Structure formats: structure tokens, C-alpha cells
Amino acid sequence: MRTIAVINQKGGVGKTTTSVNLAAALAEMGQRVLLIDLDPQAHASLHLGLTLEEGDPSIYDVLTGEATLGEVRRRVHETLWVVPSHIDLAAAEIELAGEVGREVILRDKLQEEGEFDVIVLDCPPSLGILTLNALTTVEEVLLPIQPHFLALHGVAKLLRTIDVVAQRLNPRLRLSGVLFCMYDSGTRLAAEVVRDVEEFLAEQATSNPVWSQAHAYRTRIRRNIRLAEAPSFGQSIFEYAPSSNGAVDYQQFAAEFARPTSSKRRRRLPAAG
């Protein structure tokens, strides 16, 4: 089982779009996928048409011990399940502040789950308790970035965070790759940023095993208006515009993402304790 957190502390870079459409693409390929929405804005949930009513359970109830993941998750496709979020999740940062073991609540909850092929966590654009729970739960981190001049700064900052969590809480944690979103191949800036990020990752590879295998994915997610429109219809890009550039790009990315798993043993979640 692959467990991956999609993270970027900067908003508006394609994080939720990537979480949703990667999960949907993998499900279309026949894999059993669980998408966990850890963002209080609940954009991943809304993207797939899940709007919670008052009293409906969400990931908030899981983190506060009121429900299990199995009780909260909803099936949205034959092989795709979603654990939805709610604005109440914003209060979890404060409510869990005094809890012992607050960093590993989600990891322990996932121990109770049945087996999935892939678990994708859509994280909030911050590095608080919710993101920390994601980093202690997963084995891989995917960093979607927009090719602009501040991109490298975001990579460096996240690498430091991943390193600290790997050293103290989750020794299996690794940065698996960087995905360029909203890519415009016609601009010189995009090409320069891609080159800078690839050079940076190559330089960092020998400095720390946490990101020694990290790479920039060959697939680029091109700017595409259909990707921006799909959430308002509560659909993945494959349902909303299956022949669009956005669908083609995420289908290609999912294939690239899934390729390494064929040569690896199925991996378990980090053990509790």
C-alpha cells in the first residue's frame, strides 16, 4: 500500500486539484483508493460532490475520537472512497493542542482500516497539527508547485519540515517528487524554474536520505480552464471533461506515479508507538 501526502504551504498551486485527480485517475486504473481531505476548506470533498449537512461525520470526528474512518468514508466511485472534511476541522488545531500523541492520531486510526492500494491525503496550506498528522502517517510526500520564481523557496522550506518529522516521528518518510502544475511551456520562466528545481534536487540528493530519491515528474500539468471548472460541478476532470488537456495530463501523471509500485513490495503503514 502506498501512502502519500500532497503538500504545499502555499495555496493556489494545484494541490487539491492534484489530490483529487490523482486519486480519481488511479481509481479509473482499477486501484482501490482512499482520499482523505485534511483541509478545513473541504475543497477536495466539494470537488467530488460531497457537501456535508449539519451533524454529518467528517475527518474532524475521526481526529477527535468520535468516529472511525470506516464510519466516515464515502464511496464516490467503484474503487474510490473519500473521507470528507468540514469547516469544524479548523478547531482541531486548538482542541488537539493539549492531547498526548496528537501528532499520530491519524496514523493510529489508519491501523484499523482495511487494505487500499493507495491512500492520498490532501493537506491544508500550512504546517500545523493537521499537516503534521499527515506526515507521521504517510511514507511519501508529493509537492505540487507552480513554476514561478518563489517555487524553490517553497521546496527548501518543505524539505526542512520533512527532515524534522523523519528524524523525530516517522523514519520512513520520504519526498518522492515534485509535480509542476499550471505549466505554460511557452514561457522562458517556466523552463528556468523547472531547470532550477531539477538542479536543486540533484544537489540535495547526496545530503540526506529523506529526499535522495526525489525527482521532478516528467509529466507537466498544463494550464487548463476545464480543471478550474470541474470542482463547481462536483466532478473529477475525468467525469467533467475526459478529452481535455487536464484529463490527459493527470492520466499521464497517474501512470507515471503508479509505475514504480510494480517493482516494489507492498508497504505497510508505520507501526504505532
Protein backbone atom coordinates (compact mmCIF):
# COMPACT_ATOMS: atom_id res chain seq x y z
CA MET A 1 0.00 0.00 0.00
CA ARG A 2 1.29 3.44 -0.95
CA THR A 3 0.51 6.32 1.37
CA ILE A 4 1.16 9.82 0.07
CA ALA A 5 0.57 13.35 1.37
CA VAL A 6 0.07 16.12 -1.16
CA ILE A 7 1.53 19.22 0.47
CA ASN A 8 2.43 22.80 -0.26
CA GLN A 9 2.30 25.53 2.35
CA LYS A 10 1.45 27.99 -0.42
CA GLY A 11 -2.14 28.00 -1.63
CA GLY A 12 -3.29 28.16 -5.23
CA VAL A 13 -0.63 25.89 -6.73
CA GLY A 14 -2.82 22.92 -7.71
CA LYS A 15 -2.59 20.90 -4.50
CA THR A 16 -6.23 19.91 -4.16
CA THR A 17 -6.68 19.57 -7.92
CA THR A 18 -3.77 17.14 -7.90
CA SER A 19 -5.02 15.19 -4.86
CA VAL A 20 -8.48 14.71 -6.35
CA ASN A 21 -7.49 13.93 -9.92
CA LEU A 22 -4.58 11.67 -8.98
CA ALA A 23 -6.94 9.69 -6.74
CA ALA A 24 -9.61 9.58 -9.45
CA ALA A 25 -7.12 8.55 -12.14
CA LEU A 26 -5.73 5.73 -10.02
CA ALA A 27 -9.28 4.55 -9.30
CA GLU A 28 -10.01 4.57 -13.04
CA MET A 29 -6.98 2.30 -13.40
CA GLY A 30 -8.65 -0.19 -11.06
CA GLN A 31 -6.76 0.59 -7.86
CA ARG A 32 -8.59 0.84 -4.55
CA VAL A 33 -8.02 4.43 -3.44
CA LEU A 34 -8.84 6.30 -0.25
CA LEU A 35 -8.73 10.11 -0.43
CA ILE A 36 -8.60 11.87 2.95
CA ASP A 37 -9.49 15.56 2.99
CA LEU A 38 -7.44 17.18 5.76
CA ASP A 39 -8.13 20.77 4.74
CA PRO A 40 -10.81 22.68 6.74
CA GLN A 41 -11.81 24.40 3.49
CA ALA A 42 -13.07 20.96 2.36
CA HIS A 43 -12.24 21.70 -1.27
CA ALA A 44 -11.35 18.09 -2.09
CA SER A 45 -14.72 16.95 -0.71
CA LEU A 46 -16.61 19.62 -2.66
CA HIS A 47 -14.61 18.79 -5.78
CA LEU A 48 -16.13 15.30 -5.72
CA GLY A 49 -19.64 16.48 -4.91
CA LEU A 50 -19.63 15.85 -1.16
CA THR A 51 -21.41 18.57 0.83
CA LEU A 52 -21.93 17.72 4.48
CA GLU A 53 -25.11 18.59 6.32
CA GLU A 54 -25.24 19.61 9.98
CA GLY A 55 -24.30 16.59 12.10
CA ASP A 56 -22.75 14.58 9.27
CA PRO A 57 -19.47 12.96 10.41
CA SER A 58 -16.19 14.13 8.90
CA ILE A 59 -12.44 13.77 9.42
CA TYR A 60 -12.91 16.12 12.39
CA ASP A 61 -14.86 13.40 14.21
CA VAL A 62 -12.10 10.90 13.44
CA LEU A 63 -9.37 13.10 14.87
CA THR A 64 -11.39 13.91 18.00
CA GLY A 65 -12.22 10.25 18.62
CA GLU A 66 -15.94 10.46 17.86
CA ALA A 67 -15.85 8.16 14.81
CA THR A 68 -13.68 5.73 12.90
CA LEU A 69 -12.51 6.25 9.33
CA GLY A 70 -14.74 3.39 8.25
CA GLU A 71 -17.79 5.18 9.65
CA VAL A 72 -16.94 8.45 7.92
CA ARG A 73 -15.66 7.48 4.49
CA ARG A 74 -17.99 7.65 1.49
CA ARG A 75 -17.81 5.75 -1.76
CA VAL A 76 -17.84 8.06 -4.79
CA HIS A 77 -16.65 5.61 -7.44
CA GLU A 78 -16.42 1.84 -7.74
CA THR A 79 -12.88 1.89 -6.30
CA LEU A 80 -12.64 5.40 -4.80
CA TRP A 81 -13.61 6.40 -1.26
CA VAL A 82 -13.40 9.85 0.34
CA VAL A 83 -13.10 10.83 3.99
CA PRO A 84 -14.71 14.29 3.80
CA SER A 85 -13.74 17.44 5.65
CA HIS A 86 -15.76 20.22 7.25
CA ILE A 87 -15.08 23.75 8.47
CA ASP A 88 -15.18 22.35 12.03
CA LEU A 89 -11.76 20.88 11.29
CA ALA A 90 -10.27 24.34 11.78
CA ALA A 91 -10.97 23.96 15.50
CA ALA A 92 -8.99 20.73 15.68
CA GLU A 93 -5.69 22.64 15.73
CA ILE A 94 -6.73 24.20 19.06
CA GLU A 95 -8.64 21.24 20.52
CA LEU A 96 -5.78 18.80 19.93
CA ALA A 97 -3.06 21.13 21.21
CA GLY A 98 -3.07 19.57 24.67
CA GLU A 99 -3.59 15.97 23.60
CA VAL A 100 -0.81 13.47 24.24
CA GLY A 101 0.25 11.88 20.97
CA ARG A 102 -1.67 14.46 18.92
CA GLU A 103 0.86 14.10 16.07
CA VAL A 104 -0.01 10.45 15.42
CA ILE A 105 -3.79 10.31 15.85
CA LEU A 106 -4.46 9.77 12.16
CA ARG A 107 -1.69 7.19 11.83
CA ASP A 108 -3.22 5.15 14.65
CA LYS A 109 -6.70 5.44 13.15
CA LEU A 110 -5.46 4.11 9.82
CA GLN A 111 -4.20 0.98 11.54
CA GLU A 112 -7.86 -0.01 11.85
CA GLU A 113 -8.55 0.36 8.13
CA GLY A 114 -8.91 -2.34 5.55
CA GLU A 115 -6.36 -2.50 2.80
CA PHE A 116 -6.24 0.03 0.00
CA ASP A 117 -3.78 0.18 -2.85
CA VAL A 118 -3.21 3.92 -2.39
CA ILE A 119 -4.11 6.43 0.32
CA VAL A 120 -3.91 10.09 -0.72
CA LEU A 121 -4.03 12.88 1.87
CA ASP A 122 -4.94 16.39 0.74
CA CYS A 123 -3.29 18.68 3.28
CA PRO A 124 -4.06 22.29 4.27
CA PRO A 125 -1.75 25.08 3.06
CA SER A 126 0.00 25.27 6.43
CA LEU A 127 2.40 23.26 8.56
CA GLY A 128 0.26 22.83 11.70
CA ILE A 129 -1.15 19.81 13.57
CA LEU A 130 -3.20 18.59 10.60
CA THR A 131 -0.24 18.52 8.23
CA LEU A 132 1.93 17.00 10.96
CA ASN A 133 -0.59 14.17 11.31
CA ALA A 134 -0.33 13.59 7.58
CA LEU A 135 3.48 13.49 7.67
CA THR A 136 3.53 10.97 10.53
CA THR A 137 1.04 8.76 8.66
CA VAL A 138 2.44 8.53 5.15
CA GLU A 139 5.63 7.25 3.57
CA GLU A 140 5.71 9.65 0.64
CA VAL A 141 5.28 13.36 0.07
CA LEU A 142 4.24 14.84 -3.27
CA LEU A 143 4.96 18.53 -3.75
CA PRO A 144 2.89 20.27 -6.46
CA ILE A 145 4.32 23.65 -7.40
CA GLN A 146 3.61 26.40 -9.86
CA PRO A 147 6.67 27.33 -11.94
CA HIS A 148 7.34 30.82 -10.64
CA PHE A 149 10.35 32.48 -9.01
CA LEU A 150 9.33 31.59 -5.41
CA ALA A 151 8.96 27.86 -6.15
CA LEU A 152 12.45 26.92 -5.00
CA HIS A 153 11.93 28.70 -1.68
CA GLY A 154 8.89 26.51 -1.04
CA VAL A 155 10.81 23.33 -1.83
CA ALA A 156 13.62 24.22 0.57
CA LYS A 157 11.22 25.05 3.40
CA LEU A 158 9.26 21.85 2.99
CA LEU A 159 12.44 19.77 2.87
CA ARG A 160 13.39 21.09 6.29
CA THR A 161 9.99 20.18 7.69
CA ILE A 162 10.08 16.68 6.21
CA ASP A 163 13.56 16.15 7.62
CA VAL A 164 12.50 17.09 11.15
CA VAL A 165 9.44 14.79 11.05
CA ALA A 166 11.50 11.94 9.59
CA GLN A 167 14.11 12.24 12.32
CA ARG A 168 11.70 12.53 15.24
CA LEU A 169 8.43 10.83 14.33
CA ASN A 170 8.43 8.90 11.05
CA PRO A 171 11.73 7.45 9.80
CA ARG A 172 10.04 6.05 6.66
CA LEU A 173 9.02 9.49 5.39
CA ARG A 174 10.44 10.50 2.01
CA LEU A 175 9.91 13.24 -0.55
CA SER A 176 9.04 11.24 -3.65
CA GLY A 177 8.70 14.01 -6.19
CA VAL A 178 7.76 17.45 -7.43
CA LEU A 179 4.89 17.98 -9.88
CA PHE A 180 4.72 21.16 -11.95
CA CYS A 181 1.16 22.47 -12.22
CA MET A 182 -0.33 25.35 -14.24
CA TYR A 183 2.57 24.86 -16.59
CA ASP A 184 2.96 27.09 -19.63
CA SER A 185 5.55 25.65 -21.98
CA GLY A 186 5.62 28.87 -23.99
CA THR A 187 7.31 30.92 -21.28
CA ARG A 188 11.01 31.12 -20.55
CA LEU A 189 10.29 31.46 -16.83
CA ALA A 190 8.65 28.03 -16.65
CA ALA A 191 11.64 26.36 -18.29
CA GLU A 192 14.06 28.19 -15.99
CA VAL A 193 12.15 27.22 -12.84
CA VAL A 194 11.99 23.57 -13.91
CA ARG A 195 15.74 23.58 -14.52
CA ASP A 196 16.44 25.25 -11.17
CA VAL A 197 14.26 22.78 -9.24
CA GLU A 198 15.81 19.77 -11.00
CA GLU A 199 19.31 21.07 -10.26
CA PHE A 200 18.36 21.75 -6.65
CA LEU A 201 17.00 18.23 -6.15
CA ALA A 202 20.11 16.75 -7.76
CA GLU A 203 22.34 18.76 -5.41
CA GLN A 204 20.29 17.77 -2.35
CA ALA A 205 20.20 14.07 -3.26
CA THR A 206 23.53 13.30 -1.62
CA SER A 207 22.91 15.35 1.51
CA ASN A 208 20.03 13.45 3.11
CA PRO A 209 18.32 10.06 2.51
CA VAL A 210 14.92 11.68 3.16
CA TRP A 211 15.00 13.26 -0.30
CA SER A 212 17.69 11.22 -2.02
CA GLN A 213 15.15 9.61 -4.36
CA ALA A 214 13.16 12.78 -5.03
CA HIS A 215 12.76 13.89 -8.62
CA ALA A 216 10.69 16.19 -10.79
CA TYR A 217 7.98 14.20 -12.54
CA ARG A 218 8.27 14.27 -16.30
CA THR A 219 4.56 14.97 -16.67
CA ARG A 220 3.61 18.64 -16.60
CA ILE A 221 0.06 19.71 -15.75
CA ARG A 222 -0.71 22.38 -18.31
CA ARG A 223 -2.89 25.40 -17.65
CA ASN A 224 -6.40 24.29 -18.49
CA ILE A 225 -9.69 26.07 -17.82
CA ARG A 226 -11.52 22.75 -17.55
CA LEU A 227 -9.53 21.90 -14.41
CA ALA A 228 -10.77 25.13 -12.82
CA GLU A 229 -14.37 24.47 -13.85
CA ALA A 230 -14.66 20.83 -12.72
CA PRO A 231 -14.99 21.48 -8.94
CA SER A 232 -18.09 23.63 -9.42
CA PHE A 233 -19.79 20.58 -10.95
CA GLY A 234 -18.64 18.24 -8.16
CA GLN A 235 -16.69 16.08 -10.60
CA SER A 236 -13.17 14.99 -11.28
CA ILE A 237 -11.68 16.12 -14.57
CA PHE A 238 -12.30 12.63 -16.00
CA GLU A 239 -16.04 12.97 -15.47
CA TYR A 240 -16.31 16.64 -16.40
CA ALA A 241 -14.04 16.88 -19.43
CA PRO A 242 -12.47 13.50 -20.23
CA SER A 243 -10.92 14.68 -23.50
CA SER A 244 -9.43 17.91 -22.13
CA ASN A 245 -5.73 18.60 -21.71
CA GLY A 246 -6.27 18.45 -17.93
CA ALA A 247 -7.62 14.90 -18.15
CA VAL A 248 -4.82 13.83 -20.47
CA ASP A 249 -2.16 15.31 -18.19
CA TYR A 250 -3.47 13.79 -14.95
CA GLN A 251 -3.98 10.43 -16.62
CA GLN A 252 -0.38 10.53 -17.78
CA PHE A 253 0.81 11.64 -14.35
CA ALA A 254 -1.11 8.83 -12.62
CA ALA A 255 0.55 6.31 -14.92
CA GLU A 256 3.95 7.79 -14.12
CA PHE A 257 3.15 7.84 -10.40
CA ALA A 258 1.97 4.22 -10.40
CA ARG A 259 4.84 2.83 -12.44
CA PRO A 260 7.37 2.30 -9.60
CA THR A 261 4.93 0.27 -7.49
CA SER A 262 5.17 -2.76 -9.78
CA SER A 263 8.76 -3.40 -8.75
CA LYS A 264 8.32 -2.76 -5.03
CA ARG A 265 6.93 -4.83 -2.25
CA ARG A 266 3.61 -3.66 -0.83
CA ARG A 267 4.41 -1.45 2.12
CA ARG A 268 2.65 -1.16 5.42
CA LEU A 269 1.83 1.91 7.44
CA PRO A 270 4.38 2.89 10.11
CA ALA A 271 3.82 0.86 13.24
CA ALA A 272 2.10 2.54 16.18
CA GLY A 273 4.14 3.50 19.20
